[in-house]
Amino acid sequence: MTDFKDLMRQAQEVRDRFQRLQEELGGRTVEGSAGGGMVVALMNGRQELLSVRIEKEVVSPDDVGMLQDLVRAAVNDALARSRELAAAEMQKVTGGMLPPGLL
């Protein structure tokens, strides 16, 4: 019976650490960029897009498609970095017990 209580206590500790980590990830940020830094997306560790910065030099009414591509690439770069950050931090909490690709 003691083993079951220990297991439940450990599960609660992991759950608490998980919850604290989710809060911490909301305050951590990563940047993704495209076009040599002409477009920069800022995202937090919970994959929430916080801002997009676009340099004036890439804004042209004659080439909206290029700007759309740069924004998409910068956001995808930030998303990938945010996922990497979250996965690395989650692995610290779980000790590598989560299966790959869960996050």
PDB file of N, CA and C in Angstrom:
ATOM      1  N   MET A   1       0.824  -1.202   0.000  1.00  0.00           N
ATOM      2  CA  MET A   1       0.000   0.000   0.000  1.00  0.00           C
ATOM      3  C   MET A   1       0.862   1.257   0.000  1.00  0.00           C
ATOM      4  N   THR A   2       2.020   1.178   0.656  1.00  0.00           N
ATOM      5  CA  THR A   2       2.919   2.314   0.691  1.00  0.00           C
ATOM      6  C   THR A   2       3.423   2.648  -0.711  1.00  0.00           C
ATOM      7  N   ASP A   3       3.685   1.612  -1.515  1.00  0.00           N
ATOM      8  CA  ASP A   3       4.149   1.849  -2.877  1.00  0.00           C
ATOM      9  C   ASP A   3       3.122   2.637  -3.679  1.00  0.00           C
ATOM     10  N   PHE A   4       1.834   2.300  -3.499  1.00  0.00           N
ATOM     11  CA  PHE A   4       0.779   3.008  -4.218  1.00  0.00           C
ATOM     12  C   PHE A   4       0.717   4.467  -3.781  1.00  0.00           C
ATOM     13  N   LYS A   5       0.839   4.708  -2.465  1.00  0.00           N
ATOM     14  CA  LYS A   5       0.830   6.083  -1.966  1.00  0.00           C
ATOM     15  C   LYS A   5       2.021   6.858  -2.502  1.00  0.00           C
ATOM     16  N   ASP A   6       3.174   6.234  -2.530  1.00  0.00           N
ATOM     17  CA  ASP A   6       4.367   6.894  -3.083  1.00  0.00           C
ATOM     18  C   ASP A   6       4.174   7.225  -4.555  1.00  0.00           C
ATOM     19  N   LEU A   7       3.598   6.299  -5.284  1.00  0.00           N
ATOM     20  CA  LEU A   7       3.354   6.518  -6.706  1.00  0.00           C
ATOM     21  C   LEU A   7       2.395   7.689  -6.914  1.00  0.00           C
ATOM     22  N   MET A   8       1.343   7.747  -6.101  1.00  0.00           N
ATOM     23  CA  MET A   8       0.373   8.847  -6.211  1.00  0.00           C
ATOM     24  C   MET A   8       1.028  10.180  -5.830  1.00  0.00           C
ATOM     25  N   ARG A   9       1.875  10.170  -4.815  1.00  0.00           N
ATOM     26  CA  ARG A   9       2.563  11.385  -4.389  1.00  0.00           C
ATOM     27  C   ARG A   9       3.495  11.871  -5.501  1.00  0.00           C
ATOM     28  N   GLN A  10       4.215  10.937  -6.113  1.00  0.00           N
ATOM     29  CA  GLN A  10       5.122  11.299  -7.212  1.00  0.00           C
ATOM     30  C   GLN A  10       4.347  11.844  -8.410  1.00  0.00           C
ATOM     31  N   ALA A  11       3.208  11.238  -8.695  1.00  0.00           N
ATOM     32  CA  ALA A  11       2.381  11.712  -9.811  1.00  0.00           C
ATOM     33  C   ALA A  11       1.900  13.134  -9.542  1.00  0.00           C
ATOM     34  N   GLN A  12       1.524  13.417  -8.296  1.00  0.00           N
ATOM     35  CA  GLN A  12       1.081  14.763  -7.938  1.00  0.00           C
ATOM     36  C   GLN A  12       2.228  15.766  -8.046  1.00  0.00           C
ATOM     37  N   GLU A  13       3.427  15.351  -7.651  1.00  0.00           N
ATOM     38  CA  GLU A  13       4.592  16.232  -7.758  1.00  0.00           C
ATOM     39  C   GLU A  13       4.890  16.564  -9.219  1.00  0.00           C
ATOM     40  N   VAL A  14       4.818  15.564 -10.089  1.00  0.00           N
ATOM     41  CA  VAL A  14       5.059  15.804 -11.517  1.00  0.00           C
ATOM     42  C   VAL A  14       3.987  16.738 -12.064  1.00  0.00           C
ATOM     43  N   ARG A  15       2.728  16.505 -11.672  1.00  0.00           N
ATOM     44  CA  ARG A  15       1.631  17.364 -12.122  1.00  0.00           C
ATOM     45  C   ARG A  15       1.867  18.808 -11.683  1.00  0.00           C
ATOM     46  N   ASP A  16       2.301  19.006 -10.446  1.00  0.00           N
ATOM     47  CA  ASP A  16       2.571  20.361  -9.937  1.00  0.00           C
ATOM     48  C   ASP A  16       3.713  21.020 -10.708  1.00  0.00           C
ATOM     49  N   ARG A  17       4.775  20.252 -10.957  1.00  0.00           N
ATOM     50  CA  ARG A  17       5.908  20.796 -11.717  1.00  0.00           C
ATOM     51  C   ARG A  17       5.488  21.142 -13.143  1.00  0.00           C
ATOM     52  N   PHE A  18       4.646  20.302 -13.718  1.00  0.00           N
ATOM     53  CA  PHE A  18       4.119  20.521 -15.063  1.00  0.00           C
ATOM     54  C   PHE A  18       3.344  21.839 -15.128  1.00  0.00           C
ATOM     55  N   GLN A  19       2.516  22.055 -14.121  1.00  0.00           N
ATOM     56  CA  GLN A  19       1.702  23.274 -14.079  1.00  0.00           C
ATOM     57  C   GLN A  19       2.586  24.514 -13.924  1.00  0.00           C
ATOM     58  N   ARG A  20       3.590  24.436 -13.042  1.00  0.00           N
ATOM     59  CA  ARG A  20       4.512  25.566 -12.869  1.00  0.00           C
ATOM     60  C   ARG A  20       5.264  25.847 -14.161  1.00  0.00           C
ATOM     61  N   LEU A  21       5.660  24.766 -14.841  1.00  0.00           N
ATOM     62  CA  LEU A  21       6.394  24.928 -16.090  1.00  0.00           C
ATOM     63  C   LEU A  21       5.528  25.613 -17.147  1.00  0.00           C
ATOM     64  N   GLN A  22       4.275  25.244 -17.233  1.00  0.00           N
ATOM     65  CA  GLN A  22       3.375  25.889 -18.200  1.00  0.00           C
ATOM     66  C   GLN A  22       3.298  27.389 -17.946  1.00  0.00           C
ATOM     67  N   GLU A  23       3.261  27.769 -16.682  1.00  0.00           N
ATOM     68  CA  GLU A  23       3.230  29.190 -16.343  1.00  0.00           C
ATOM     69  C   GLU A  23       4.547  29.861 -16.729  1.00  0.00           C
ATOM     70  N   GLU A  24       5.662  29.188 -16.454  1.00  0.00           N
ATOM     71  CA  GLU A  24       6.973  29.751 -16.793  1.00  0.00           C
ATOM     72  C   GLU A  24       7.144  29.901 -18.299  1.00  0.00           C
ATOM     73  N   LEU A  25       6.660  28.930 -19.062  1.00  0.00           N
ATOM     74  CA  LEU A  25       6.789  28.997 -20.519  1.00  0.00           C
ATOM     75  C   LEU A  25       6.035  30.189 -21.102  1.00  0.00           C
ATOM     76  N   GLY A  26       5.003  30.612 -20.430  1.00  0.00           N
ATOM     77  CA  GLY A  26       4.266  31.794 -20.883  1.00  0.00           C
ATOM     78  C   GLY A  26       5.100  33.060 -20.794  1.00  0.00           C
ATOM     79  N   GLY A  27       6.103  33.057 -19.924  1.00  0.00           N
ATOM     80  CA  GLY A  27       6.949  34.226 -19.747  1.00  0.00           C
ATOM     81  C   GLY A  27       8.264  34.155 -20.503  1.00  0.00           C
ATOM     82  N   ARG A  28       8.531  33.023 -21.126  1.00  0.00           N
ATOM     83  CA  ARG A  28       9.771  32.874 -21.893  1.00  0.00           C
ATOM     84  C   ARG A  28       9.472  33.116 -23.366  1.00  0.00           C
ATOM     85  N   THR A  29      10.400  33.753 -24.054  1.00  0.00           N
ATOM     86  CA  THR A  29      10.159  34.094 -25.448  1.00  0.00           C
ATOM     87  C   THR A  29      11.270  33.571 -26.356  1.00  0.00           C
ATOM     88  N   VAL A  30      10.896  33.374 -27.607  1.00  0.00           N
ATOM     89  CA  VAL A  30      11.844  33.002 -28.658  1.00  0.00           C
ATOM     90  C   VAL A  30      11.516  33.863 -29.877  1.00  0.00           C
ATOM     91  N   GLU A  31      12.526  34.036 -30.728  1.00  0.00           N
ATOM     92  CA  GLU A  31      12.327  34.781 -31.968  1.00  0.00           C
ATOM     93  C   GLU A  31      12.545  33.869 -33.147  1.00  0.00           C
ATOM     94  N   GLY A  32      11.766  34.109 -34.181  1.00  0.00           N
ATOM     95  CA  GLY A  32      11.992  33.470 -35.465  1.00  0.00           C
ATOM     96  C   GLY A  32      12.127  34.567 -36.495  1.00  0.00           C
ATOM     97  N   SER A  33      12.942  34.346 -37.504  1.00  0.00           N
ATOM     98  CA  SER A  33      13.126  35.403 -38.490  1.00  0.00           C
ATOM     99  C   SER A  33      13.200  34.837 -39.901  1.00  0.00           C
ATOM    100  N   ALA A  34      13.037  35.737 -40.848  1.00  0.00           N
ATOM    101  CA  ALA A  34      13.143  35.387 -42.271  1.00  0.00           C
ATOM    102  C   ALA A  34      13.678  36.600 -43.018  1.00  0.00           C
ATOM    103  N   GLY A  35      14.235  36.342 -44.172  1.00  0.00           N
ATOM    104  CA  GLY A  35      14.749  37.428 -45.004  1.00  0.00           C
ATOM    105  C   GLY A  35      15.921  38.145 -44.367  1.00  0.00           C
ATOM    106  N   GLY A  36      16.762  37.396 -43.681  1.00  0.00           N
ATOM    107  CA  GLY A  36      17.925  38.012 -43.049  1.00  0.00           C
ATOM    108  C   GLY A  36      17.553  38.964 -41.926  1.00  0.00           C
ATOM    109  N   GLY A  37      16.440  38.680 -41.239  1.00  0.00           N
ATOM    110  CA  GLY A  37      16.011  39.510 -40.120  1.00  0.00           C
ATOM    111  C   GLY A  37      15.076  40.640 -40.524  1.00  0.00           C
ATOM    112  N   MET A  38      14.642  40.649 -41.777  1.00  0.00           N
ATOM    113  CA  MET A  38      13.722  41.708 -42.225  1.00  0.00           C
ATOM    114  C   MET A  38      12.331  41.517 -41.618  1.00  0.00           C
ATOM    115  N   VAL A  39      11.996  40.267 -41.315  1.00  0.00           N
ATOM    116  CA  VAL A  39      10.733  39.960 -40.623  1.00  0.00           C
ATOM    117  C   VAL A  39      11.088  39.099 -39.422  1.00  0.00           C
ATOM    118  N   VAL A  40      10.624  39.532 -38.238  1.00  0.00           N
ATOM    119  CA  VAL A  40      10.920  38.823 -36.991  1.00  0.00           C
ATOM    120  C   VAL A  40       9.610  38.578 -36.252  1.00  0.00           C
ATOM    121  N   ALA A  41       9.397  37.322 -35.850  1.00  0.00           N
ATOM    122  CA  ALA A  41       8.212  36.956 -35.072  1.00  0.00           C
ATOM    123  C   ALA A  41       8.655  36.608 -33.663  1.00  0.00           C
ATOM    124  N   LEU A  42       7.942  37.120 -32.681  1.00  0.00           N
ATOM    125  CA  LEU A  42       8.228  36.847 -31.272  1.00  0.00           C
ATOM    126  C   LEU A  42       7.111  35.964 -30.725  1.00  0.00           C
ATOM    127  N   MET A  43       7.476  34.860 -30.109  1.00  0.00           N
ATOM    128  CA  MET A  43       6.504  33.888 -29.608  1.00  0.00           C
ATOM    129  C   MET A  43       6.920  33.460 -28.214  1.00  0.00           C
ATOM    130  N   ASN A  44       5.960  33.116 -27.375  1.00  0.00           N
ATOM    131  CA  ASN A  44       6.323  32.617 -26.046  1.00  0.00           C
ATOM    132  C   ASN A  44       6.397  31.090 -26.048  1.00  0.00           C
ATOM    133  N   GLY A  45       6.774  30.528 -24.922  1.00  0.00           N
ATOM    134  CA  GLY A  45       6.956  29.093 -24.809  1.00  0.00           C
ATOM    135  C   GLY A  45       5.675  28.282 -24.846  1.00  0.00           C
ATOM    136  N   ARG A  46       4.542  28.970 -24.883  1.00  0.00           N
ATOM    137  CA  ARG A  46       3.247  28.276 -25.030  1.00  0.00           C
ATOM    138  C   ARG A  46       2.714  28.388 -26.455  1.00  0.00           C
ATOM    139  N   GLN A  47       3.619  28.709 -27.383  1.00  0.00           N
ATOM    140  CA  GLN A  47       3.302  28.834 -28.808  1.00  0.00           C
ATOM    141  C   GLN A  47       2.261  29.920 -29.076  1.00  0.00           C
ATOM    142  N   GLU A  48       2.321  31.004 -28.305  1.00  0.00           N
ATOM    143  CA  GLU A  48       1.437  32.146 -28.554  1.00  0.00           C
ATOM    144  C   GLU A  48       2.261  33.214 -29.270  1.00  0.00           C
ATOM    145  N   LEU A  49       1.785  33.663 -30.428  1.00  0.00           N
ATOM    146  CA  LEU A  49       2.466  34.706 -31.184  1.00  0.00           C
ATOM    147  C   LEU A  49       2.273  36.037 -30.463  1.00  0.00           C
ATOM    148  N   LEU A  50       3.392  36.690 -30.090  1.00  0.00           N
ATOM    149  CA  LEU A  50       3.318  37.930 -29.324  1.00  0.00           C
ATOM    150  C   LEU A  50       3.425  39.167 -30.213  1.00  0.00           C
ATOM    151  N   SER A  51       4.295  39.096 -31.224  1.00  0.00           N
ATOM    152  CA  SER A  51       4.438  40.243 -32.113  1.00  0.00           C
ATOM    153  C   SER A  51       5.126  39.820 -33.410  1.00  0.00           C
ATOM    154  N   VAL A  52       4.968  40.682 -34.397  1.00  0.00           N
ATOM    155  CA  VAL A  52       5.657  40.520 -35.683  1.00  0.00           C
ATOM    156  C   VAL A  52       6.242  41.885 -36.037  1.00  0.00           C
ATOM    157  N   ARG A  53       7.536  41.911 -36.322  1.00  0.00           N
ATOM    158  CA  ARG A  53       8.192  43.157 -36.730  1.00  0.00           C
ATOM    159  C   ARG A  53       8.603  43.016 -38.195  1.00  0.00           C
ATOM    160  N   ILE A  54       8.229  44.016 -38.983  1.00  0.00           N
ATOM    161  CA  ILE A  54       8.528  44.006 -40.417  1.00  0.00           C
ATOM    162  C   ILE A  54       9.290  45.279 -40.755  1.00  0.00           C
ATOM    163  N   GLU A  55      10.449  45.115 -41.356  1.00  0.00           N
ATOM    164  CA  GLU A  55      11.233  46.278 -41.773  1.00  0.00           C
ATOM    165  C   GLU A  55      10.582  46.917 -43.002  1.00  0.00           C
ATOM    166  N   LYS A  56      10.663  48.237 -43.071  1.00  0.00           N
ATOM    167  CA  LYS A  56      10.017  48.983 -44.166  1.00  0.00           C
ATOM    168  C   LYS A  56      10.509  48.553 -45.542  1.00  0.00           C
ATOM    169  N   GLU A  57      11.750  48.132 -45.597  1.00  0.00           N
ATOM    170  CA  GLU A  57      12.342  47.815 -46.899  1.00  0.00           C
ATOM    171  C   GLU A  57      11.660  46.650 -47.621  1.00  0.00           C
ATOM    172  N   VAL A  58      10.978  45.784 -46.879  1.00  0.00           N
ATOM    173  CA  VAL A  58      10.337  44.636 -47.529  1.00  0.00           C
ATOM    174  C   VAL A  58       8.846  44.853 -47.790  1.00  0.00           C
ATOM    175  N   VAL A  59       8.347  46.045 -47.478  1.00  0.00           N
ATOM    176  CA  VAL A  59       6.927  46.335 -47.712  1.00  0.00           C
ATOM    177  C   VAL A  59       6.791  47.007 -49.073  1.00  0.00           C
ATOM    178  N   SER A  60       6.138  46.305 -49.962  1.00  0.00           N
ATOM    179  CA  SER A  60       5.917  46.838 -51.304  1.00  0.00           C
ATOM    180  C   SER A  60       4.542  46.404 -51.788  1.00  0.00           C
ATOM    181  N   PRO A  61       3.716  47.349 -52.220  1.00  0.00           N
ATOM    182  CA  PRO A  61       2.397  46.957 -52.731  1.00  0.00           C
ATOM    183  C   PRO A  61       2.490  46.139 -54.017  1.00  0.00           C
ATOM    184  N   ASP A  62       3.655  46.194 -54.648  1.00  0.00           N
ATOM    185  CA  ASP A  62       3.830  45.441 -55.896  1.00  0.00           C
ATOM    186  C   ASP A  62       4.230  43.981 -55.667  1.00  0.00           C
ATOM    187  N   ASP A  63       4.616  43.662 -54.409  1.00  0.00           N
ATOM    188  CA  ASP A  63       5.054  42.285 -54.128  1.00  0.00           C
ATOM    189  C   ASP A  63       4.544  41.814 -52.764  1.00  0.00           C
ATOM    190  N   VAL A  64       3.254  41.776 -52.627  1.00  0.00           N
ATOM    191  CA  VAL A  64       2.630  41.347 -51.369  1.00  0.00           C
ATOM    192  C   VAL A  64       2.934  39.873 -51.101  1.00  0.00           C
ATOM    193  N   GLY A  65       3.037  39.089 -52.130  1.00  0.00           N
ATOM    194  CA  GLY A  65       3.304  37.661 -51.977  1.00  0.00           C
ATOM    195  C   GLY A  65       4.627  37.399 -51.270  1.00  0.00           C
ATOM    196  N   MET A  66       5.661  38.201 -51.595  1.00  0.00           N
ATOM    197  CA  MET A  66       6.946  38.013 -50.933  1.00  0.00           C
ATOM    198  C   MET A  66       6.828  38.307 -49.440  1.00  0.00           C
ATOM    199  N   LEU A  67       6.129  39.367 -49.083  1.00  0.00           N
ATOM    200  CA  LEU A  67       5.954  39.702 -47.671  1.00  0.00           C
ATOM    201  C   LEU A  67       5.170  38.608 -46.955  1.00  0.00           C
ATOM    202  N   GLN A  68       4.149  38.088 -47.582  1.00  0.00           N
ATOM    203  CA  GLN A  68       3.384  36.990 -46.980  1.00  0.00           C
ATOM    204  C   GLN A  68       4.280  35.779 -46.730  1.00  0.00           C
ATOM    205  N   ASP A  69       5.138  35.478 -47.690  1.00  0.00           N
ATOM    206  CA  ASP A  69       6.060  34.342 -47.530  1.00  0.00           C
ATOM    207  C   ASP A  69       7.038  34.583 -46.380  1.00  0.00           C
ATOM    208  N   LEU A  70       7.549  35.802 -46.253  1.00  0.00           N
ATOM    209  CA  LEU A  70       8.492  36.116 -45.173  1.00  0.00           C
ATOM    210  C   LEU A  70       7.820  36.020 -43.803  1.00  0.00           C
ATOM    211  N   VAL A  71       6.602  36.515 -43.707  1.00  0.00           N
ATOM    212  CA  VAL A  71       5.877  36.444 -42.427  1.00  0.00           C
ATOM    213  C   VAL A  71       5.619  34.984 -42.058  1.00  0.00           C
ATOM    214  N   ARG A  72       5.178  34.218 -43.025  1.00  0.00           N
ATOM    215  CA  ARG A  72       4.920  32.793 -42.767  1.00  0.00           C
ATOM    216  C   ARG A  72       6.198  32.087 -42.321  1.00  0.00           C
ATOM    217  N   ALA A  73       7.303  32.358 -42.995  1.00  0.00           N
ATOM    218  CA  ALA A  73       8.572  31.707 -42.642  1.00  0.00           C
ATOM    219  C   ALA A  73       9.042  32.133 -41.247  1.00  0.00           C
ATOM    220  N   ALA A  74       8.916  33.411 -40.912  1.00  0.00           N
ATOM    221  CA  ALA A  74       9.339  33.887 -39.590  1.00  0.00           C
ATOM    222  C   ALA A  74       8.478  33.272 -38.485  1.00  0.00           C
ATOM    223  N   VAL A  75       7.182  33.193 -38.713  1.00  0.00           N
ATOM    224  CA  VAL A  75       6.279  32.608 -37.710  1.00  0.00           C
ATOM    225  C   VAL A  75       6.566  31.116 -37.553  1.00  0.00           C
ATOM    226  N   ASN A  76       6.784  30.427 -38.649  1.00  0.00           N
ATOM    227  CA  ASN A  76       7.107  28.994 -38.557  1.00  0.00           C
ATOM    228  C   ASN A  76       8.430  28.760 -37.847  1.00  0.00           C
ATOM    229  N   ASP A  77       9.412  29.636 -38.081  1.00  0.00           N
ATOM    230  CA  ASP A  77      10.700  29.534 -37.388  1.00  0.00           C
ATOM    231  C   ASP A  77      10.502  29.738 -35.880  1.00  0.00           C
ATOM    232  N   ALA A  78       9.734  30.751 -35.506  1.00  0.00           N
ATOM    233  CA  ALA A  78       9.467  31.008 -34.085  1.00  0.00           C
ATOM    234  C   ALA A  78       8.701  29.842 -33.461  1.00  0.00           C
ATOM    235  N   LEU A  79       7.751  29.297 -34.190  1.00  0.00           N
ATOM    236  CA  LEU A  79       6.969  28.159 -33.690  1.00  0.00           C
ATOM    237  C   LEU A  79       7.866  26.956 -33.426  1.00  0.00           C
ATOM    238  N   ALA A  80       8.770  26.683 -34.352  1.00  0.00           N
ATOM    239  CA  ALA A  80       9.689  25.550 -34.171  1.00  0.00           C
ATOM    240  C   ALA A  80      10.579  25.769 -32.949  1.00  0.00           C
ATOM    241  N   ARG A  81      11.073  26.989 -32.785  1.00  0.00           N
ATOM    242  CA  ARG A  81      11.923  27.288 -31.628  1.00  0.00           C
ATOM    243  C   ARG A  81      11.132  27.204 -30.313  1.00  0.00           C
ATOM    244  N   SER A  82       9.906  27.648 -30.346  1.00  0.00           N
ATOM    245  CA  SER A  82       9.066  27.575 -29.154  1.00  0.00           C
ATOM    246  C   SER A  82       8.782  26.124 -28.765  1.00  0.00           C
ATOM    247  N   ARG A  83       8.520  25.311 -29.763  1.00  0.00           N
ATOM    248  CA  ARG A  83       8.274  23.878 -29.496  1.00  0.00           C
ATOM    249  C   ARG A  83       9.522  23.209 -28.927  1.00  0.00           C
ATOM    250  N   GLU A  84      10.695  23.579 -29.458  1.00  0.00           N
ATOM    251  CA  GLU A  84      11.950  23.019 -28.951  1.00  0.00           C
ATOM    252  C   GLU A  84      12.167  23.420 -27.503  1.00  0.00           C
ATOM    253  N   LEU A  85      11.904  24.686 -27.204  1.00  0.00           N
ATOM    254  CA  LEU A  85      12.042  25.177 -25.831  1.00  0.00           C
ATOM    255  C   LEU A  85      11.111  24.407 -24.891  1.00  0.00           C
ATOM    256  N   ALA A  86       9.844  24.286 -25.282  1.00  0.00           N
ATOM    257  CA  ALA A  86       8.865  23.588 -24.438  1.00  0.00           C
ATOM    258  C   ALA A  86       9.254  22.121 -24.254  1.00  0.00           C
ATOM    259  N   ALA A  87       9.684  21.472 -25.329  1.00  0.00           N
ATOM    260  CA  ALA A  87      10.059  20.056 -25.234  1.00  0.00           C
ATOM    261  C   ALA A  87      11.261  19.863 -24.320  1.00  0.00           C
ATOM    262  N   ALA A  88      12.252  20.744 -24.431  1.00  0.00           N
ATOM    263  CA  ALA A  88      13.448  20.630 -23.584  1.00  0.00           C
ATOM    264  C   ALA A  88      13.092  20.830 -22.113  1.00  0.00           C
ATOM    265  N   GLU A  89      12.229  21.797 -21.854  1.00  0.00           N
ATOM    266  CA  GLU A  89      11.837  22.061 -20.467  1.00  0.00           C
ATOM    267  C   GLU A  89      10.954  20.935 -19.918  1.00  0.00           C
ATOM    268  N   MET A  90      10.078  20.397 -20.745  1.00  0.00           N
ATOM    269  CA  MET A  90       9.218  19.291 -20.310  1.00  0.00           C
ATOM    270  C   MET A  90      10.058  18.060 -19.998  1.00  0.00           C
ATOM    271  N   GLN A  91      11.094  17.868 -20.782  1.00  0.00           N
ATOM    272  CA  GLN A  91      11.951  16.700 -20.556  1.00  0.00           C
ATOM    273  C   GLN A  91      12.645  16.797 -19.198  1.00  0.00           C
ATOM    274  N   LYS A  92      12.967  18.019 -18.778  1.00  0.00           N
ATOM    275  CA  LYS A  92      13.575  18.198 -17.458  1.00  0.00           C
ATOM    276  C   LYS A  92      12.593  17.780 -16.358  1.00  0.00           C
ATOM    277  N   VAL A  93      11.323  18.113 -16.551  1.00  0.00           N
ATOM    278  CA  VAL A  93      10.300  17.799 -15.548  1.00  0.00           C
ATOM    279  C   VAL A  93      10.007  16.307 -15.493  1.00  0.00           C
ATOM    280  N   THR A  94       9.941  15.694 -16.664  1.00  0.00           N
ATOM    281  CA  THR A  94       9.529  14.289 -16.707  1.00  0.00           C
ATOM    282  C   THR A  94      10.709  13.325 -16.694  1.00  0.00           C
ATOM    283  N   GLY A  95      11.903  13.844 -16.811  1.00  0.00           N
ATOM    284  CA  GLY A  95      13.072  12.971 -16.851  1.00  0.00           C
ATOM    285  C   GLY A  95      13.120  12.145 -18.118  1.00  0.00           C
ATOM    286  N   GLY A  96      12.552  12.682 -19.197  1.00  0.00           N
ATOM    287  CA  GLY A  96      12.580  11.977 -20.477  1.00  0.00           C
ATOM    288  C   GLY A  96      11.553  10.875 -20.589  1.00  0.00           C
ATOM    289  N   MET A  97      10.532  10.891 -19.727  1.00  0.00           N
ATOM    290  CA  MET A  97       9.540   9.827 -19.753  1.00  0.00           C
ATOM    291  C   MET A  97       8.434  10.053 -20.783  1.00  0.00           C
ATOM    292  N   LEU A  98       8.349  11.268 -21.385  1.00  0.00           N
ATOM    293  CA  LEU A  98       7.338  11.518 -22.401  1.00  0.00           C
ATOM    294  C   LEU A  98       7.784  10.935 -23.725  1.00  0.00           C
ATOM    295  N   PRO A  99       6.863  10.339 -24.459  1.00  0.00           N
ATOM    296  CA  PRO A  99       7.229   9.821 -25.778  1.00  0.00           C
ATOM    297  C   PRO A  99       7.523  10.979 -26.730  1.00  0.00           C
ATOM    298  N   PRO A 100       8.464  10.800 -27.667  1.00  0.00           N
ATOM    299  CA  PRO A 100       8.802  11.858 -28.623  1.00  0.00           C
ATOM    300  C   PRO A 100       7.574  12.283 -29.412  1.00  0.00           C
ATOM    301  N   GLY A 101       7.475  13.576 -29.693  1.00  0.00           N
ATOM    302  CA  GLY A 101       6.384  14.094 -30.494  1.00  0.00           C
ATOM    303  C   GLY A 101       5.116  14.366 -29.732  1.00  0.00           C
ATOM    304  N   LEU A 102       5.113  14.153 -28.427  1.00  0.00           N
ATOM    305  CA  LEU A 102       3.909  14.393 -27.640  1.00  0.00           C
ATOM    306  C   LEU A 102       3.608  15.872 -27.554  1.00  0.00           C
ATOM    307  N   LEU A 103       4.623  16.728 -27.547  1.00  0.00           N
ATOM    308  CA  LEU A 103       4.409  18.179 -27.440  1.00  0.00           C
ATOM    309  C   LEU A 103       4.366  18.840 -28.779  1.00  0.00           C
TER     310      LEU A 103
END
